[in-house]
C-alpha cells in the first residue's frame, strides 16, 4: 500500500511538473490580453448573432458589415467591401493589415447562416450555463468574433511581425460560396497560409479533412392531363421521379465518413386535378475524393435510362457549384502540429478530426495554399435550433488563434 501511495505521489508530481512546464512556455502578455478581451468577444458575438443574416439576406448582410467595418478600421486595417460574384447576395468584407514581417496570412470566415428572416426574434442570443446559443452562433459568427478579437489583441500588444494579414468575411458559404469562390482562390494564391474560422468540433478538435459538397438535380418531363376525365392521356412525371429517387437513394450511404447521398428537395405538379407534367428532386452529395462525385453522377445518368413511366424523359443536371474535398496531407498535418504545440503552452491538448461539412479551406488548398480549419470556438448542433458554443473554449481558442497569427507572421509555412 505504501508503495502504491509512493507511485501515486510520483505520478502526481510528474503531472504537476508537466503542467508547470507547459505554463512556463505560455506567452503571458498574450494570455493577459486574451483574458482582458474575453467579455468583449462575447459582447460582439451577441451583437452579430442578434442580426438575421441568412444566405441571400442583403439587408442583414449590410448590417453585419456595418457592425464589423468600423471595428476593423479602428484596428488599423484597410477595409473595403467586395461585390458578390453571384446575384442576390450581399457584399463580402475585406480587411487588410500591414506589418513589418514576412508572413502573408489569409483568414477566411463567413457571416451567412442557414436561418431565414426573423429567426432571431423567436430565438434570440442567450447564455445557459457555459453555453451561448442563437442562430448561427457557432456556424460561424463565433469564428468571425475569434478572428476580429485576435486581430485586436495583436494591435493591443504591438505585434506587427507579419507582412500582411487579410481577413475575408464572406457572405455565401452556406450555399457553396458562389459569391466569393474566385476571390478566395485569388487571395489564397497570393498568401502563404489560410486559416479558417469554422467551429471546432467536440470535444476540442481541429478540422484536418472535410468532404466535398455538391447538389445533383434530377428532372423528369412528362405530359399533363386531366386527373379525373383523362388520366390515361398523361405521363406522370412525379411517379417516374419517385422511381428515380428509389434507384439512387438506396445505393449510397446516408451517413458516415465516406460518400453520402441524401434526398433534400422534391417538387412536382401545380394543381391537384392535373397529372404532373414535370417533377424535380435534389440530392445533397458529400464525398472524400473528386472522382467519387463523378461516380455518383455516372450512376444517376445510368438510372435515367431505366424508366417505368413510358414517354417520360429523365435529365440529370450536374452541380453548378461545388466545394472540393479538403484532403488531409503533410501540409495540413504540419499546421496542426504547430497548433498543438501552441495549445500545449496553456497546458491543453487539441485533437484532429474531420466531417461532412464543406468549407472554403478546400478552395485554398485547391490552389496549393496550406490551410488549417476549425479555428473557431468549440460547439455543436449546427444548423439546428439547438446550435451552441462552449464559452469555456473562448479563452483557449482565442489564445491559440492569436499565437498562430504570430507564429506564421514571423515564419510562414512553405507552400
Protein backbone atom coordinates (compact mmCIF):
# COMPACT_ATOMS: atom_id res chain seq x y z
CA UNK A 1 0.00 0.00 0.00
CA UNK A 2 2.85 2.35 0.92
CA UNK A 3 4.49 1.56 -2.41
CA UNK A 4 1.27 2.34 -4.28
CA UNK A 5 0.94 5.65 -2.46
CA UNK A 6 4.54 6.49 -3.34
CA UNK A 7 3.92 5.65 -7.01
CA UNK A 8 0.80 7.81 -6.97
CA UNK A 9 2.70 10.71 -5.47
CA UNK A 10 5.41 10.38 -8.11
CA UNK A 11 2.81 10.32 -10.90
CA UNK A 12 1.07 13.39 -9.46
CA UNK A 13 4.38 15.22 -9.15
CA UNK A 14 5.19 14.39 -12.78
CA UNK A 15 1.77 15.62 -13.90
CA UNK A 16 2.19 18.86 -11.95
CA UNK A 17 5.68 19.31 -13.34
CA UNK A 18 4.35 18.84 -16.88
CA UNK A 19 1.61 21.38 -16.28
CA UNK A 20 4.12 23.80 -14.78
CA UNK A 21 6.45 23.35 -17.75
CA UNK A 22 3.58 23.99 -20.19
CA UNK A 23 2.55 27.09 -18.27
CA UNK A 24 6.13 28.33 -18.29
CA UNK A 25 6.04 28.31 -22.08
CA UNK A 26 2.88 30.42 -22.14
CA UNK A 27 3.11 33.87 -23.61
CA UNK A 28 1.87 35.75 -20.57
CA UNK A 29 1.46 39.02 -22.45
CA UNK A 30 -0.91 37.36 -24.93
CA UNK A 31 -2.73 35.41 -22.23
CA UNK A 32 -3.36 38.59 -20.23
CA UNK A 33 -4.74 40.26 -23.37
CA UNK A 34 -6.94 37.21 -24.03
CA UNK A 35 -8.41 37.33 -20.55
CA UNK A 36 -9.00 41.07 -20.87
CA UNK A 37 -10.70 40.56 -24.25
CA UNK A 38 -12.95 37.60 -23.40
CA UNK A 39 -16.02 39.58 -22.34
CA UNK A 40 -15.69 41.93 -25.29
CA UNK A 41 -15.66 38.90 -27.60
CA UNK A 42 -18.88 37.61 -26.03
CA UNK A 43 -20.47 41.06 -26.36
CA UNK A 44 -19.57 41.23 -30.06
CA UNK A 45 -20.91 37.71 -30.52
CA UNK A 46 -24.24 38.73 -29.02
CA UNK A 47 -24.35 41.79 -31.29
CA UNK A 48 -23.87 39.94 -34.57
CA UNK A 49 -25.90 36.84 -33.63
CA UNK A 50 -28.75 39.30 -32.98
CA UNK A 51 -28.72 40.20 -36.69
CA UNK A 52 -30.53 37.85 -39.07
CA UNK A 53 -28.13 37.13 -41.94
CA UNK A 54 -29.27 34.00 -43.74
CA UNK A 55 -27.63 33.47 -47.12
CA UNK A 56 -29.14 35.94 -49.57
CA UNK A 57 -30.37 38.36 -46.89
CA UNK A 58 -28.86 41.53 -48.35
CA UNK A 59 -30.20 43.86 -45.66
CA UNK A 60 -28.92 41.57 -42.89
CA UNK A 61 -25.56 41.26 -44.57
CA UNK A 62 -25.25 45.03 -44.77
CA UNK A 63 -25.98 45.29 -41.06
CA UNK A 64 -23.24 42.78 -40.25
CA UNK A 65 -20.78 44.74 -42.38
CA UNK A 66 -21.82 47.97 -40.64
CA UNK A 67 -21.09 46.34 -37.28
CA UNK A 68 -17.66 44.99 -38.27
CA UNK A 69 -16.25 47.64 -40.62
CA UNK A 70 -15.66 50.44 -38.05
CA UNK A 71 -14.12 47.97 -35.59
CA UNK A 72 -11.61 46.77 -38.16
CA UNK A 73 -10.82 50.30 -39.31
CA UNK A 74 -10.17 51.28 -35.69
CA UNK A 75 -7.61 48.47 -35.54
CA UNK A 76 -5.71 50.00 -38.45
CA UNK A 77 -6.95 47.83 -41.31
CA UNK A 78 -7.61 48.89 -44.86
CA UNK A 79 -11.27 47.88 -45.15
CA UNK A 80 -13.42 47.57 -48.24
CA UNK A 81 -16.40 45.65 -49.49
CA UNK A 82 -16.19 43.31 -52.46
CA UNK A 83 -19.35 42.70 -54.52
CA UNK A 84 -20.62 39.14 -54.52
CA UNK A 85 -19.81 37.10 -57.61
CA UNK A 86 -23.40 35.84 -57.88
CA UNK A 87 -26.74 37.70 -57.89
CA UNK A 88 -28.94 38.40 -54.87
CA UNK A 89 -26.14 38.14 -52.34
CA UNK A 90 -24.72 40.82 -50.03
CA UNK A 91 -21.15 42.04 -50.29
CA UNK A 92 -18.09 40.33 -48.90
CA UNK A 93 -15.95 42.24 -46.38
CA UNK A 94 -12.16 42.53 -46.76
CA UNK A 95 -9.76 43.92 -44.14
CA UNK A 96 -6.01 44.06 -44.77
CA UNK A 97 -3.42 44.71 -42.06
CA UNK A 98 0.16 45.64 -42.97
CA UNK A 99 3.13 44.79 -40.77
CA UNK A 100 6.91 44.61 -40.89
CA UNK A 101 7.50 40.86 -41.13
CA UNK A 102 7.42 38.05 -43.69
CA UNK A 103 4.21 36.08 -43.39
CA UNK A 104 1.23 36.68 -45.67
CA UNK A 105 -1.78 35.23 -43.87
CA UNK A 106 -5.33 34.80 -45.16
CA UNK A 107 -8.14 34.40 -42.63
CA UNK A 108 -11.48 33.26 -44.05
CA UNK A 109 -14.77 33.45 -42.17
CA UNK A 110 -18.41 33.73 -43.23
CA UNK A 111 -21.30 35.68 -41.76
CA UNK A 112 -24.18 33.99 -43.59
CA UNK A 113 -26.29 31.41 -41.77
CA UNK A 114 -28.85 28.79 -42.76
CA UNK A 115 -31.70 30.57 -40.97
CA UNK A 116 -34.46 32.65 -42.52
CA UNK A 117 -35.69 36.17 -41.76
CA UNK A 118 -36.99 36.94 -38.26
CA UNK A 119 -35.37 33.85 -36.74
CA UNK A 120 -33.61 35.96 -34.13
CA UNK A 121 -36.90 37.42 -32.89
CA UNK A 122 -38.14 33.96 -31.95
CA UNK A 123 -34.80 32.58 -30.79
CA UNK A 124 -32.52 35.38 -29.59
CA UNK A 125 -28.95 35.06 -28.34
CA UNK A 126 -28.84 33.72 -24.81
CA UNK A 127 -26.45 32.15 -22.33
CA UNK A 128 -27.39 28.98 -20.49
CA UNK A 129 -24.73 27.86 -18.05
CA UNK A 130 -21.48 27.51 -20.00
CA UNK A 131 -23.15 27.65 -23.40
CA UNK A 132 -24.10 30.51 -25.70
CA UNK A 133 -27.00 29.77 -28.05
CA UNK A 134 -28.59 31.51 -31.01
CA UNK A 135 -28.95 31.36 -34.80
CA UNK A 136 -25.50 30.93 -36.34
CA UNK A 137 -23.74 31.35 -33.01
CA UNK A 138 -21.18 28.68 -33.87
CA UNK A 139 -21.50 28.41 -37.64
CA UNK A 140 -19.94 30.79 -37.98
CA UNK A 141 -20.39 34.01 -36.10
CA UNK A 142 -18.19 32.86 -33.23
CA UNK A 143 -15.44 32.31 -35.79
CA UNK A 144 -15.84 35.87 -37.04
CA UNK A 145 -15.58 37.10 -33.45
CA UNK A 146 -12.50 34.98 -32.74
CA UNK A 147 -10.73 36.45 -35.78
CA UNK A 148 -11.64 40.07 -35.05
CA UNK A 149 -10.71 39.74 -31.37
CA UNK A 150 -7.36 38.11 -32.15
CA UNK A 151 -6.55 40.96 -34.52
CA UNK A 152 -7.40 43.39 -31.74
CA UNK A 153 -5.01 41.57 -29.41
CA UNK A 154 -2.22 41.87 -31.99
CA UNK A 155 -2.86 45.63 -32.10
CA UNK A 156 -3.08 45.95 -28.31
CA UNK A 157 0.18 44.03 -27.77
CA UNK A 158 2.01 45.91 -30.51
CA UNK A 159 2.70 42.82 -32.62
CA UNK A 160 3.48 43.70 -36.24
CA UNK A 161 5.89 40.91 -37.24
CA UNK A 162 3.93 39.93 -40.34
CA UNK A 163 3.83 41.18 -43.92
CA UNK A 164 0.05 41.19 -44.34
CA UNK A 165 -2.91 39.67 -42.58
CA UNK A 166 -6.03 39.62 -44.74
CA UNK A 167 -9.42 38.89 -43.18
CA UNK A 168 -12.17 37.91 -45.62
CA UNK A 169 -15.65 37.69 -44.12
CA UNK A 170 -17.74 36.29 -46.96
CA UNK A 171 -21.48 36.13 -47.48
CA UNK A 172 -22.40 32.82 -49.15
CA UNK A 173 -20.53 29.85 -47.64
CA UNK A 174 -23.73 28.02 -46.76
CA UNK A 175 -24.52 27.76 -50.50
CA UNK A 176 -21.02 26.73 -51.51
CA UNK A 177 -19.52 30.27 -51.67
CA UNK A 178 -20.86 31.19 -55.14
CA UNK A 179 -20.37 34.83 -54.20
CA UNK A 180 -16.69 34.53 -53.30
CA UNK A 181 -15.07 31.49 -54.95
CA UNK A 182 -12.89 33.45 -57.38
CA UNK A 183 -11.94 35.93 -54.68
CA UNK A 184 -10.92 33.19 -52.23
CA UNK A 185 -8.76 31.44 -54.81
CA UNK A 186 -7.11 34.69 -55.87
CA UNK A 187 -6.36 35.72 -52.31
CA UNK A 188 -5.11 32.26 -51.38
CA UNK A 189 -2.75 32.18 -54.36
CA UNK A 190 -1.13 35.38 -53.07
CA UNK A 191 -0.81 34.20 -49.44
CA UNK A 192 1.38 31.73 -47.56
CA UNK A 193 -1.33 30.10 -45.44
CA UNK A 194 -5.11 30.11 -44.99
CA UNK A 195 -6.66 29.88 -41.53
CA UNK A 196 -10.37 29.09 -41.45
CA UNK A 197 -12.79 30.12 -38.73
CA UNK A 198 -15.29 27.25 -38.87
CA UNK A 199 -16.19 26.00 -35.37
CA UNK A 200 -14.12 23.41 -33.58
CA UNK A 201 -15.78 20.04 -33.22
CA UNK A 202 -16.26 18.39 -29.83
CA UNK A 203 -14.54 17.74 -27.55
CA UNK A 204 -11.80 20.10 -28.80
CA UNK A 205 -10.68 19.33 -32.34
CA UNK A 206 -9.04 20.93 -35.34
CA UNK A 207 -10.52 20.03 -38.72
CA UNK A 208 -7.90 18.38 -40.93
CA UNK A 209 -10.23 16.91 -43.55
CA UNK A 210 -13.62 17.77 -44.98
CA UNK A 211 -15.87 16.21 -47.53
CA UNK A 212 -16.62 17.96 -50.79
CA UNK A 213 -20.20 19.09 -51.25
CA UNK A 214 -22.44 19.21 -54.33
CA UNK A 215 -26.12 19.20 -55.28
CA UNK A 216 -27.33 16.89 -58.05
CA UNK A 217 -30.73 17.61 -59.63
CA UNK A 218 -32.92 15.01 -61.31
CA UNK A 219 -35.61 16.44 -63.57
CA UNK A 220 -38.45 14.48 -65.16
CA UNK A 221 -40.53 15.71 -68.10
CA UNK A 222 -43.91 14.01 -68.61
CA UNK A 223 -47.27 15.00 -70.06
CA UNK A 224 -50.12 16.84 -68.38
CA UNK A 225 -53.72 15.56 -68.47
CA UNK A 226 -56.97 15.94 -66.57
CA UNK A 227 -56.58 13.75 -63.49
CA UNK A 228 -60.26 12.81 -63.46
CA UNK A 229 -61.51 12.79 -67.06
CA UNK A 230 -58.44 11.56 -68.99
CA UNK A 231 -55.60 10.48 -66.70
CA UNK A 232 -54.64 7.82 -69.26
CA UNK A 233 -53.55 10.58 -71.62
CA UNK A 234 -50.98 11.87 -69.13
CA UNK A 235 -47.46 10.73 -68.35
CA UNK A 236 -46.94 11.21 -64.63
CA UNK A 237 -43.60 12.91 -64.02
CA UNK A 238 -43.99 12.53 -60.25
CA UNK A 239 -44.38 8.77 -60.48
CA UNK A 240 -41.24 8.50 -62.57
CA UNK A 241 -39.37 10.79 -60.21
CA UNK A 242 -40.29 8.54 -57.29
CA UNK A 243 -38.86 5.64 -59.27
CA UNK A 244 -35.63 7.55 -59.97
CA UNK A 245 -35.30 8.54 -56.32
CA UNK A 246 -35.56 4.91 -55.31
CA UNK A 247 -32.86 3.90 -57.80
CA UNK A 248 -30.35 6.36 -56.35
CA UNK A 249 -31.38 6.76 -52.73
CA UNK A 250 -30.67 3.21 -51.66
CA UNK A 251 -27.32 2.76 -53.42
CA UNK A 252 -25.10 5.09 -51.39
CA UNK A 253 -24.97 5.55 -47.60
CA UNK A 254 -26.96 8.30 -45.91
CA UNK A 255 -24.33 8.91 -43.21
CA UNK A 256 -20.75 8.03 -42.28
CA UNK A 257 -17.22 9.21 -43.04
CA UNK A 258 -17.32 8.20 -46.72
CA UNK A 259 -19.67 9.08 -49.58
CA UNK A 260 -23.16 10.15 -48.52
CA UNK A 261 -26.13 10.87 -50.79
CA UNK A 262 -29.26 12.37 -49.24
CA UNK A 263 -32.54 13.48 -50.77
CA UNK A 264 -33.22 17.08 -49.70
CA UNK A 265 -35.75 18.76 -52.03
CA UNK A 266 -38.70 17.38 -54.03
CA UNK A 267 -41.14 19.28 -56.23
CA UNK A 268 -43.91 18.01 -58.52
CA UNK A 269 -47.15 19.29 -60.00
CA UNK A 270 -49.07 22.52 -59.68
CA UNK A 271 -52.73 21.52 -59.19
CA UNK A 272 -54.49 18.62 -57.54
CA UNK A 273 -56.58 17.80 -60.61
CA UNK A 274 -53.75 17.70 -63.18
CA UNK A 275 -51.35 14.81 -63.84
CA UNK A 276 -47.95 16.45 -63.18
CA UNK A 277 -46.05 17.32 -66.31
CA UNK A 278 -42.76 17.97 -64.52
CA UNK A 279 -41.02 16.92 -61.33
CA UNK A 280 -37.64 17.57 -59.76
CA UNK A 281 -35.54 16.31 -56.87
CA UNK A 282 -32.27 17.49 -55.33
CA UNK A 283 -29.72 15.20 -53.74
CA UNK A 284 -27.04 16.55 -51.42
CA UNK A 285 -23.82 14.70 -52.13
CA UNK A 286 -20.74 14.58 -49.88
CA UNK A 287 -17.53 12.89 -50.98
CA UNK A 288 -13.89 12.45 -49.90
CA UNK A 289 -12.21 12.30 -53.32
CA UNK A 290 -13.05 14.24 -56.51
CA UNK A 291 -13.55 11.08 -58.56
CA UNK A 292 -16.30 9.96 -56.18
CA UNK A 293 -18.56 12.77 -57.37
CA UNK A 294 -18.30 11.55 -60.96
CA UNK A 295 -19.03 8.02 -59.74
CA UNK A 296 -22.33 9.23 -58.27
CA UNK A 297 -23.15 11.25 -61.39
CA UNK A 298 -22.49 8.22 -63.58
CA UNK A 299 -24.89 6.12 -61.52
CA UNK A 300 -27.62 8.78 -61.75
CA UNK A 301 -27.18 9.04 -65.54
CA UNK A 302 -27.40 5.26 -65.92
CA UNK A 303 -30.60 5.27 -63.85
CA UNK A 304 -32.10 7.88 -66.19
CA UNK A 305 -32.28 5.29 -68.97
CA UNK A 306 -34.31 2.97 -66.75
CA UNK A 307 -37.82 4.44 -66.72
CA UNK A 308 -41.13 2.87 -65.69
CA UNK A 309 -43.48 5.59 -66.98
CA UNK A 310 -43.48 5.45 -70.81
CA UNK A 311 -42.66 8.60 -72.76
CA UNK A 312 -41.13 10.41 -69.78
CA UNK A 313 -37.67 11.93 -70.10
CA UNK A 314 -35.22 12.00 -67.18
CA UNK A 315 -32.38 14.52 -67.10
CA UNK A 316 -29.56 14.57 -64.57
CA UNK A 317 -28.15 18.06 -64.02
CA UNK A 318 -24.62 18.34 -62.58
CA UNK A 319 -23.93 20.84 -59.79
CA UNK A 320 -23.47 24.49 -60.73
CA UNK A 321 -21.00 24.98 -57.89
CA UNK A 322 -19.40 22.57 -55.51
CA UNK A 323 -16.86 22.67 -52.71
CA UNK A 324 -14.00 20.26 -53.41
CA UNK A 325 -12.95 18.00 -50.55
CA UNK A 326 -10.27 19.07 -48.10
CA UNK A 327 -7.90 16.10 -48.13
CA UNK A 328 -5.55 15.63 -45.20
CA UNK A 329 -1.91 15.81 -46.25
CA UNK A 330 1.56 16.60 -44.92
CA UNK A 331 0.99 20.37 -45.18
CA UNK A 332 -2.16 20.23 -43.09
CA UNK A 333 -0.51 17.92 -40.57
CA UNK A 334 2.36 20.39 -40.17
CA UNK A 335 -0.10 23.21 -39.46
CA UNK A 336 -1.94 21.03 -36.94
CA UNK A 337 1.36 20.15 -35.26
CA UNK A 338 2.10 23.86 -34.82
CA UNK A 339 -1.36 24.44 -33.36
CA UNK A 340 -0.90 21.53 -30.95
CA UNK A 341 2.41 22.94 -29.73
CA UNK A 342 0.78 26.33 -29.11
CA UNK A 343 -2.11 24.74 -27.22
CA UNK A 344 0.42 22.95 -25.02
CA UNK A 345 1.66 26.39 -23.93
CA UNK A 346 -1.53 26.72 -21.87
CA UNK A 347 -1.49 23.09 -20.77
CA UNK A 348 -4.13 21.90 -23.19
CA UNK A 349 -4.30 19.14 -25.80
CA UNK A 350 -6.08 19.57 -29.11
CA UNK A 351 -7.32 16.71 -31.27
CA UNK A 352 -7.77 16.28 -35.02
CA UNK A 353 -10.81 15.21 -36.95
CA UNK A 354 -12.98 15.79 -39.99
CA UNK A 355 -16.60 15.95 -41.04
CA UNK A 356 -19.04 16.21 -43.90
CA UNK A 357 -19.41 19.98 -43.65
CA UNK A 358 -17.63 21.68 -46.54
CA UNK A 359 -15.71 24.96 -46.20
CA UNK A 360 -13.54 27.48 -48.02
CA UNK A 361 -10.32 25.77 -46.87
CA UNK A 362 -10.72 23.30 -49.71
CA UNK A 363 -10.70 26.21 -52.17
CA UNK A 364 -7.45 27.48 -50.67
CA UNK A 365 -5.85 24.03 -50.83
CA UNK A 366 -7.00 23.63 -54.44
CA UNK A 367 -4.56 26.41 -55.44
CA UNK A 368 -1.73 25.00 -53.34
CA UNK A 369 -2.03 27.13 -50.21
CA UNK A 370 -1.73 25.24 -46.88
CA UNK A 371 -4.95 25.51 -44.88
CA UNK A 372 -5.99 24.78 -41.31
CA UNK A 373 -9.67 24.59 -40.42
CA UNK A 374 -11.87 24.53 -37.33
CA UNK A 375 -10.28 27.52 -35.56
CA UNK A 376 -13.49 28.99 -34.16
CA UNK A 377 -14.87 28.20 -30.72
CA UNK A 378 -15.97 24.65 -29.89
CA UNK A 379 -19.66 23.96 -30.38
CA UNK A 380 -22.32 21.65 -31.71
CA UNK A 381 -25.85 21.09 -33.08
CA UNK A 382 -25.06 23.36 -36.02
CA UNK A 383 -27.89 24.12 -38.48
CA UNK A 384 -30.47 23.33 -35.81
CA UNK A 385 -32.49 25.25 -33.23
CA UNK A 386 -30.13 23.95 -30.53
CA UNK A 387 -26.91 25.37 -32.02
CA UNK A 388 -24.41 26.37 -29.31
CA UNK A 389 -20.82 27.19 -28.46
CA UNK A 390 -18.91 26.32 -25.31
CA UNK A 391 -17.96 29.52 -23.52
CA UNK A 392 -15.14 27.64 -21.78
CA UNK A 393 -13.45 27.39 -25.18
CA UNK A 394 -13.36 31.16 -25.80
CA UNK A 395 -10.12 32.00 -23.99
CA UNK A 396 -8.13 28.88 -25.06
CA UNK A 397 -9.20 29.15 -28.69
CA UNK A 398 -8.53 32.90 -28.73
CA UNK A 399 -5.03 32.30 -27.38
CA UNK A 400 -4.46 29.55 -29.94
CA UNK A 401 -5.53 31.67 -32.89
CA UNK A 402 -3.64 34.78 -31.77
CA UNK A 403 -0.44 32.79 -31.34
CA UNK A 404 -0.90 31.10 -34.73
CA UNK A 405 -1.06 34.54 -36.33
CA UNK A 406 2.14 35.49 -34.51
CA UNK A 407 3.98 32.31 -35.45
CA UNK A 408 3.03 32.37 -39.14
CA UNK A 409 3.50 36.12 -39.34
CA UNK A 410 7.09 35.72 -38.28
CA UNK A 411 7.85 32.44 -40.07
CA UNK A 412 5.30 31.46 -42.74
CA UNK A 413 4.99 27.81 -43.84
CA UNK A 414 6.43 26.83 -47.19
CA UNK A 415 3.87 26.38 -49.96
